[in-house]
Amino acid sequence: MRPGTLTCVNGRFQPGTHLRVRRPRFYDHHGIYVSDDRVIQFGSGVTLTSKRAVGFSAVPLKDFEQGATAKPVRNDYSSPFSGWHPPADEPWKIVERAEFLLRLQPRLPYNLIGHNCEIIANMCVSGGWTESYQARKYFAVRVVTDAALMFWMARRSRAGQPMPRWVFPVVVAGSVATMGVRFTYNDQIRRFWKEIRGDWEAHERMLAEDPRNGQAR
């Protein structure tokens, strides 16, 4: 079995599987599968406003999917666009972390960029890897588009051609947007850790002392 592959037991998914499902607005919603009657998710609303009003919740798989088809998320590989994806921890630990956050109900509201469902799911899977690969892909796309624009501008400059009037506003707007997204991304993750760090670390110590450690999956 290749790294990152998840098997199914008694149904479509194994407990502790990190699931994603495509939403109509072209983004992926993430959650941790516990059973067909229990998928733990963060920010379950459809609109950004409703997502901010909903914290952690547990819903049946069919409600999580909302007519779409959930798929397991790969782990333990590297991508040129999203970087390193750490390996998944033991399934029982993933479930325990998701259940812990459901009980804790951290107060920091949902944020599309830096405190979203994908970050929470990755945190449960890895034991603390708070990253959003959707946000990382945005940063990678920005690097590629900025490089292409700079190359095009350099060619025009060498050829002695004037720059169109739209170039300067586009460059400034793109730079400001990238800096804003990066700041929000890092700030939201920092604020989340500041809120839960003590409780999270105590829970991780409890998991480390659990007799189930090292047992066959």
C-alpha atoms as a PDB file:
ATOM      1  CA  MET A   1       0.000   0.000   0.000  1.00  0.00           C
ATOM      2  CA  ARG A   2       1.470   3.384  -0.999  1.00  0.00           C
ATOM      3  CA  PRO A   3       1.971   6.090   1.667  1.00  0.00           C
ATOM      4  CA  GLY A   4      -1.154   8.083   2.353  1.00  0.00           C
ATOM      5  CA  THR A   5      -3.569   5.362   1.234  1.00  0.00           C
ATOM      6  CA  LEU A   6      -6.536   4.844   3.539  1.00  0.00           C
ATOM      7  CA  THR A   7      -8.524   1.645   3.709  1.00  0.00           C
ATOM      8  CA  CYS A   8     -12.221   1.206   4.427  1.00  0.00           C
ATOM      9  CA  VAL A   9     -13.652  -1.021   7.129  1.00  0.00           C
ATOM     10  CA  ASN A  10     -17.312  -2.045   7.426  1.00  0.00           C
ATOM     11  CA  GLY A  11     -18.247   0.786   5.075  1.00  0.00           C
ATOM     12  CA  ARG A  12     -16.766   3.500   2.932  1.00  0.00           C
ATOM     13  CA  PHE A  13     -14.187   4.930   5.360  1.00  0.00           C
ATOM     14  CA  GLN A  14     -12.077   3.956   8.322  1.00  0.00           C
ATOM     15  CA  PRO A  15     -12.614   5.893  11.572  1.00  0.00           C
ATOM     16  CA  GLY A  16     -10.018   8.640  11.747  1.00  0.00           C
ATOM     17  CA  THR A  17     -10.056   9.321   8.001  1.00  0.00           C
ATOM     18  CA  HIS A  18      -9.579  12.935   6.956  1.00  0.00           C
ATOM     19  CA  LEU A  19     -12.376  13.643   4.459  1.00  0.00           C
ATOM     20  CA  ARG A  20     -12.889  16.414   1.953  1.00  0.00           C
ATOM     21  CA  VAL A  21     -15.938  17.192  -0.153  1.00  0.00           C
ATOM     22  CA  ARG A  22     -16.286  19.749  -2.938  1.00  0.00           C
ATOM     23  CA  ARG A  23     -18.768  22.546  -2.300  1.00  0.00           C
ATOM     24  CA  PRO A  24     -20.644  24.361  -5.099  1.00  0.00           C
ATOM     25  CA  ARG A  25     -18.582  27.529  -4.577  1.00  0.00           C
ATOM     26  CA  PHE A  26     -15.397  25.779  -5.752  1.00  0.00           C
ATOM     27  CA  TYR A  27     -13.753  25.061  -2.432  1.00  0.00           C
ATOM     28  CA  ASP A  28     -13.317  21.885  -0.391  1.00  0.00           C
ATOM     29  CA  HIS A  29     -14.927  21.313   3.003  1.00  0.00           C
ATOM     30  CA  HIS A  30     -12.991  19.080   5.423  1.00  0.00           C
ATOM     31  CA  GLY A  31     -13.842  16.894   8.395  1.00  0.00           C
ATOM     32  CA  ILE A  32     -12.788  13.851  10.414  1.00  0.00           C
ATOM     33  CA  TYR A  33     -14.779  10.669   9.890  1.00  0.00           C
ATOM     34  CA  VAL A  34     -15.779   8.779  13.051  1.00  0.00           C
ATOM     35  CA  SER A  35     -18.728   6.753  11.711  1.00  0.00           C
ATOM     36  CA  ASP A  36     -21.541   7.100   9.171  1.00  0.00           C
ATOM     37  CA  ASP A  37     -23.471   8.941  11.882  1.00  0.00           C
ATOM     38  CA  ARG A  38     -20.591  11.120  13.011  1.00  0.00           C
ATOM     39  CA  VAL A  39     -18.257  13.348  11.014  1.00  0.00           C
ATOM     40  CA  ILE A  40     -16.628  16.083  13.100  1.00  0.00           C
ATOM     41  CA  GLN A  41     -16.267  19.341  11.215  1.00  0.00           C
ATOM     42  CA  PHE A  42     -15.555  23.024  11.752  1.00  0.00           C
ATOM     43  CA  GLY A  43     -17.592  25.825  10.176  1.00  0.00           C
ATOM     44  CA  SER A  44     -20.364  23.804   8.562  1.00  0.00           C
ATOM     45  CA  GLY A  45     -22.386  26.714   7.106  1.00  0.00           C
ATOM     46  CA  VAL A  46     -22.734  27.280   3.375  1.00  0.00           C
ATOM     47  CA  THR A  47     -21.955  31.020   3.316  1.00  0.00           C
ATOM     48  CA  LEU A  48     -18.980  32.718   4.974  1.00  0.00           C
ATOM     49  CA  THR A  49     -21.349  34.529   7.347  1.00  0.00           C
ATOM     50  CA  SER A  50     -23.018  31.309   8.481  1.00  0.00           C
ATOM     51  CA  LYS A  51     -19.648  29.549   8.785  1.00  0.00           C
ATOM     52  CA  ARG A  52     -18.462  32.182  11.250  1.00  0.00           C
ATOM     53  CA  ALA A  53     -21.538  31.517  13.376  1.00  0.00           C
ATOM     54  CA  VAL A  54     -20.957  27.739  13.545  1.00  0.00           C
ATOM     55  CA  GLY A  55     -18.133  26.231  15.582  1.00  0.00           C
ATOM     56  CA  PHE A  56     -17.266  22.557  15.836  1.00  0.00           C
ATOM     57  CA  SER A  57     -20.075  20.091  15.199  1.00  0.00           C
ATOM     58  CA  ALA A  58     -20.693  16.396  14.571  1.00  0.00           C
ATOM     59  CA  VAL A  59     -23.039  15.468  11.726  1.00  0.00           C
ATOM     60  CA  PRO A  60     -24.020  12.320   9.808  1.00  0.00           C
ATOM     61  CA  LEU A  61     -21.892  11.572   6.755  1.00  0.00           C
ATOM     62  CA  LYS A  62     -24.797  12.316   4.403  1.00  0.00           C
ATOM     63  CA  ASP A  63     -25.180  15.786   5.937  1.00  0.00           C
ATOM     64  CA  PHE A  64     -21.454  16.394   5.630  1.00  0.00           C
ATOM     65  CA  GLU A  65     -21.566  15.462   1.944  1.00  0.00           C
ATOM     66  CA  GLN A  66     -24.726  17.492   1.124  1.00  0.00           C
ATOM     67  CA  GLY A  67     -25.329  15.506  -2.057  1.00  0.00           C
ATOM     68  CA  ALA A  68     -21.678  15.406  -3.137  1.00  0.00           C
ATOM     69  CA  THR A  69     -19.201  12.557  -2.579  1.00  0.00           C
ATOM     70  CA  ALA A  70     -16.608  12.729   0.198  1.00  0.00           C
ATOM     71  CA  LYS A  71     -13.097  11.488  -0.532  1.00  0.00           C
ATOM     72  CA  PRO A  72     -10.162  10.626   1.755  1.00  0.00           C
ATOM     73  CA  VAL A  73      -7.322  13.136   1.853  1.00  0.00           C
ATOM     74  CA  ARG A  74      -3.832  11.845   1.051  1.00  0.00           C
ATOM     75  CA  ASN A  75      -0.992  12.215   3.535  1.00  0.00           C
ATOM     76  CA  ASP A  76       2.774  11.781   3.647  1.00  0.00           C
ATOM     77  CA  TYR A  77       3.816  13.265   0.293  1.00  0.00           C
ATOM     78  CA  SER A  78       5.198  16.481  -1.186  1.00  0.00           C
ATOM     79  CA  SER A  79       3.654  18.711  -3.832  1.00  0.00           C
ATOM     80  CA  PRO A  80       5.320  21.574  -5.740  1.00  0.00           C
ATOM     81  CA  PHE A  81       2.210  23.674  -5.133  1.00  0.00           C
ATOM     82  CA  SER A  82       1.278  22.856  -1.551  1.00  0.00           C
ATOM     83  CA  GLY A  83       4.538  21.602  -0.029  1.00  0.00           C
ATOM     84  CA  TRP A  84       4.925  18.744   2.423  1.00  0.00           C
ATOM     85  CA  HIS A  85       1.878  16.822   3.646  1.00  0.00           C
ATOM     86  CA  PRO A  86       2.844  15.064   6.914  1.00  0.00           C
ATOM     87  CA  PRO A  87       1.932  11.427   7.566  1.00  0.00           C
ATOM     88  CA  ALA A  88      -1.308  10.591   9.321  1.00  0.00           C
ATOM     89  CA  ASP A  89      -1.146   9.569  12.958  1.00  0.00           C
ATOM     90  CA  GLU A  90      -2.830   6.467  14.363  1.00  0.00           C
ATOM     91  CA  PRO A  91      -6.585   6.604  13.561  1.00  0.00           C
ATOM     92  CA  TRP A  92      -7.695   6.449  17.199  1.00  0.00           C
ATOM     93  CA  LYS A  93      -5.565   9.523  17.976  1.00  0.00           C
ATOM     94  CA  ILE A  94      -7.107  11.435  15.084  1.00  0.00           C
ATOM     95  CA  VAL A  95     -10.588  10.656  16.390  1.00  0.00           C
ATOM     96  CA  GLU A  96      -9.601  11.572  19.956  1.00  0.00           C
ATOM     97  CA  ARG A  97      -8.268  14.963  18.816  1.00  0.00           C
ATOM     98  CA  ALA A  98     -11.397  15.740  16.838  1.00  0.00           C
ATOM     99  CA  GLU A  99     -13.629  14.758  19.759  1.00  0.00           C
ATOM    100  CA  PHE A 100     -11.468  16.868  22.089  1.00  0.00           C
ATOM    101  CA  LEU A 101     -11.877  19.993  19.928  1.00  0.00           C
ATOM    102  CA  LEU A 102     -15.605  19.316  19.674  1.00  0.00           C
ATOM    103  CA  ARG A 103     -15.833  19.331  23.478  1.00  0.00           C
ATOM    104  CA  LEU A 104     -13.492  22.298  23.864  1.00  0.00           C
ATOM    105  CA  GLN A 105     -15.306  24.509  21.311  1.00  0.00           C
ATOM    106  CA  PRO A 106     -12.531  27.118  20.825  1.00  0.00           C
ATOM    107  CA  ARG A 107     -13.926  30.645  20.570  1.00  0.00           C
ATOM    108  CA  LEU A 108     -11.947  31.935  17.581  1.00  0.00           C
ATOM    109  CA  PRO A 109     -14.481  32.126  14.712  1.00  0.00           C
ATOM    110  CA  TYR A 110     -14.080  30.586  11.283  1.00  0.00           C
ATOM    111  CA  ASN A 111     -11.821  32.454   8.875  1.00  0.00           C
ATOM    112  CA  LEU A 112     -11.575  31.399   5.235  1.00  0.00           C
ATOM    113  CA  ILE A 113      -7.844  32.080   5.012  1.00  0.00           C
ATOM    114  CA  GLY A 114      -6.219  31.278   8.331  1.00  0.00           C
ATOM    115  CA  HIS A 115      -8.656  29.403  10.568  1.00  0.00           C
ATOM    116  CA  ASN A 116     -10.704  27.047   8.459  1.00  0.00           C
ATOM    117  CA  CYS A 117     -11.928  23.463   8.384  1.00  0.00           C
ATOM    118  CA  GLU A 118      -8.886  22.172   6.497  1.00  0.00           C
ATOM    119  CA  ILE A 119      -6.443  23.562   9.057  1.00  0.00           C
ATOM    120  CA  ILE A 120      -8.414  21.928  11.881  1.00  0.00           C
ATOM    121  CA  ALA A 121      -8.554  18.563  10.086  1.00  0.00           C
ATOM    122  CA  ASN A 122      -4.812  18.650   9.337  1.00  0.00           C
ATOM    123  CA  MET A 123      -4.175  19.476  12.981  1.00  0.00           C
ATOM    124  CA  CYS A 124      -6.138  16.411  14.114  1.00  0.00           C
ATOM    125  CA  VAL A 125      -4.451  14.128  11.588  1.00  0.00           C
ATOM    126  CA  SER A 126      -0.872  15.172  12.306  1.00  0.00           C
ATOM    127  CA  GLY A 127      -0.970  16.235  15.953  1.00  0.00           C
ATOM    128  CA  GLY A 128      -0.387  19.918  15.309  1.00  0.00           C
ATOM    129  CA  TRP A 129       0.312  20.673  11.631  1.00  0.00           C
ATOM    130  CA  THR A 130      -1.854  23.777  11.248  1.00  0.00           C
ATOM    131  CA  GLU A 131      -1.709  24.404   7.509  1.00  0.00           C
ATOM    132  CA  SER A 132      -4.251  24.975   4.747  1.00  0.00           C
ATOM    133  CA  TYR A 133      -3.118  23.529   1.432  1.00  0.00           C
ATOM    134  CA  GLN A 134      -5.816  25.508  -0.383  1.00  0.00           C
ATOM    135  CA  ALA A 135      -4.177  28.684   0.947  1.00  0.00           C
ATOM    136  CA  ARG A 136      -0.706  27.359   0.095  1.00  0.00           C
ATOM    137  CA  LYS A 137      -1.815  26.737  -3.490  1.00  0.00           C
ATOM    138  CA  TYR A 138      -2.956  30.355  -3.657  1.00  0.00           C
ATOM    139  CA  PHE A 139       0.527  31.496  -2.617  1.00  0.00           C
ATOM    140  CA  ALA A 140       2.124  29.211  -5.222  1.00  0.00           C
ATOM    141  CA  VAL A 141      -0.161  30.491  -7.991  1.00  0.00           C
ATOM    142  CA  ARG A 142       0.665  34.073  -6.999  1.00  0.00           C
ATOM    143  CA  VAL A 143       4.399  33.347  -7.291  1.00  0.00           C
ATOM    144  CA  VAL A 144       3.937  31.875 -10.780  1.00  0.00           C
ATOM    145  CA  THR A 145       1.705  34.699 -12.042  1.00  0.00           C
ATOM    146  CA  ASP A 146       3.972  37.387 -10.556  1.00  0.00           C
ATOM    147  CA  ALA A 147       7.018  35.796 -12.195  1.00  0.00           C
ATOM    148  CA  ALA A 148       5.218  35.655 -15.550  1.00  0.00           C
ATOM    149  CA  LEU A 149       4.195  39.308 -15.256  1.00  0.00           C
ATOM    150  CA  MET A 150       7.735  40.399 -14.324  1.00  0.00           C
ATOM    151  CA  PHE A 151       9.151  38.451 -17.285  1.00  0.00           C
ATOM    152  CA  TRP A 152       6.651  40.099 -19.644  1.00  0.00           C
ATOM    153  CA  MET A 153       7.459  43.567 -18.277  1.00  0.00           C
ATOM    154  CA  ALA A 154      11.206  42.937 -18.653  1.00  0.00           C
ATOM    155  CA  ARG A 155      10.767  41.909 -22.306  1.00  0.00           C
ATOM    156  CA  ARG A 156       8.777  45.067 -23.078  1.00  0.00           C
ATOM    157  CA  SER A 157      11.369  47.195 -21.312  1.00  0.00           C
ATOM    158  CA  ARG A 158      14.257  45.663 -23.290  1.00  0.00           C
ATOM    159  CA  ALA A 159      12.324  46.196 -26.515  1.00  0.00           C
ATOM    160  CA  GLY A 160      11.760  49.845 -25.634  1.00  0.00           C
ATOM    161  CA  GLN A 161       7.977  49.426 -25.545  1.00  0.00           C
ATOM    162  CA  PRO A 162       5.887  51.540 -23.163  1.00  0.00           C
ATOM    163  CA  MET A 163       4.059  49.858 -20.319  1.00  0.00           C
ATOM    164  CA  PRO A 164       0.258  49.829 -20.487  1.00  0.00           C
ATOM    165  CA  ARG A 165      -1.459  52.033 -17.912  1.00  0.00           C
ATOM    166  CA  TRP A 166      -3.006  49.026 -16.179  1.00  0.00           C
ATOM    167  CA  VAL A 167       0.334  47.441 -15.232  1.00  0.00           C
ATOM    168  CA  PHE A 168       1.195  49.563 -12.190  1.00  0.00           C
ATOM    169  CA  PRO A 169      -2.268  49.265 -10.505  1.00  0.00           C
ATOM    170  CA  VAL A 170      -2.288  45.509 -11.110  1.00  0.00           C
ATOM    171  CA  VAL A 171       1.189  45.047  -9.625  1.00  0.00           C
ATOM    172  CA  VAL A 172       0.347  47.163  -6.564  1.00  0.00           C
ATOM    173  CA  ALA A 173      -3.048  45.492  -6.007  1.00  0.00           C
ATOM    174  CA  GLY A 174      -1.537  42.013  -6.361  1.00  0.00           C
ATOM    175  CA  SER A 175       1.253  42.787  -3.898  1.00  0.00           C
ATOM    176  CA  VAL A 176      -1.143  44.247  -1.351  1.00  0.00           C
ATOM    177  CA  ALA A 177      -3.504  41.258  -1.692  1.00  0.00           C
ATOM    178  CA  THR A 178      -0.683  38.754  -1.240  1.00  0.00           C
ATOM    179  CA  MET A 179       0.691  40.549   1.828  1.00  0.00           C
ATOM    180  CA  GLY A 180      -2.810  40.784   3.308  1.00  0.00           C
ATOM    181  CA  VAL A 181      -3.546  37.109   2.779  1.00  0.00           C
ATOM    182  CA  ARG A 182      -0.164  36.072   4.187  1.00  0.00           C
ATOM    183  CA  PHE A 183      -0.602  38.269   7.267  1.00  0.00           C
ATOM    184  CA  THR A 184      -4.136  36.973   7.896  1.00  0.00           C
ATOM    185  CA  TYR A 185      -3.006  33.369   7.405  1.00  0.00           C
ATOM    186  CA  ASN A 186      -0.189  33.604   9.942  1.00  0.00           C
ATOM    187  CA  ASP A 187      -2.114  35.802  12.389  1.00  0.00           C
ATOM    188  CA  GLN A 188      -5.154  33.519  12.546  1.00  0.00           C
ATOM    189  CA  ILE A 189      -3.036  30.416  13.154  1.00  0.00           C
ATOM    190  CA  ARG A 190      -1.074  32.253  15.853  1.00  0.00           C
ATOM    191  CA  ARG A 191      -4.276  33.404  17.586  1.00  0.00           C
ATOM    192  CA  PHE A 192      -5.744  29.892  17.494  1.00  0.00           C
ATOM    193  CA  TRP A 193      -2.645  28.367  19.084  1.00  0.00           C
ATOM    194  CA  LYS A 194      -2.584  31.092  21.711  1.00  0.00           C
ATOM    195  CA  GLU A 195      -6.146  30.182  22.711  1.00  0.00           C
ATOM    196  CA  ILE A 196      -5.820  26.405  22.890  1.00  0.00           C
ATOM    197  CA  ARG A 197      -2.119  25.640  23.411  1.00  0.00           C
ATOM    198  CA  GLY A 198      -2.336  24.733  27.102  1.00  0.00           C
ATOM    199  CA  ASP A 199      -5.382  22.471  26.678  1.00  0.00           C
ATOM    200  CA  TRP A 200      -3.985  20.933  23.496  1.00  0.00           C
ATOM    201  CA  GLU A 201      -0.607  20.099  25.003  1.00  0.00           C
ATOM    202  CA  ALA A 202      -2.227  18.538  28.064  1.00  0.00           C
ATOM    203  CA  HIS A 203      -4.420  16.408  25.795  1.00  0.00           C
ATOM    204  CA  GLU A 204      -1.408  15.363  23.699  1.00  0.00           C
ATOM    205  CA  ARG A 205       0.403  14.231  26.844  1.00  0.00           C
ATOM    206  CA  MET A 206      -2.615  12.134  27.747  1.00  0.00           C
ATOM    207  CA  LEU A 207      -2.604  10.539  24.280  1.00  0.00           C
ATOM    208  CA  ALA A 208       1.122   9.814  24.577  1.00  0.00           C
ATOM    209  CA  GLU A 209       0.472   7.857  27.784  1.00  0.00           C
ATOM    210  CA  ASP A 210      -2.463   5.901  26.344  1.00  0.00           C
ATOM    211  CA  PRO A 211      -1.869   2.108  26.219  1.00  0.00           C
ATOM    212  CA  ARG A 212      -3.169   1.996  22.656  1.00  0.00           C
ATOM    213  CA  ASN A 213       0.054   3.602  21.385  1.00  0.00           C
ATOM    214  CA  GLY A 214       1.923   1.464  18.906  1.00  0.00           C
ATOM    215  CA  GLN A 215      -0.827  -1.099  18.441  1.00  0.00           C
ATOM    216  CA  ALA A 216      -1.535  -2.371  14.927  1.00  0.00           C
ATOM    217  CA  ARG A 217      -3.921  -0.215  12.933  1.00  0.00           C
END
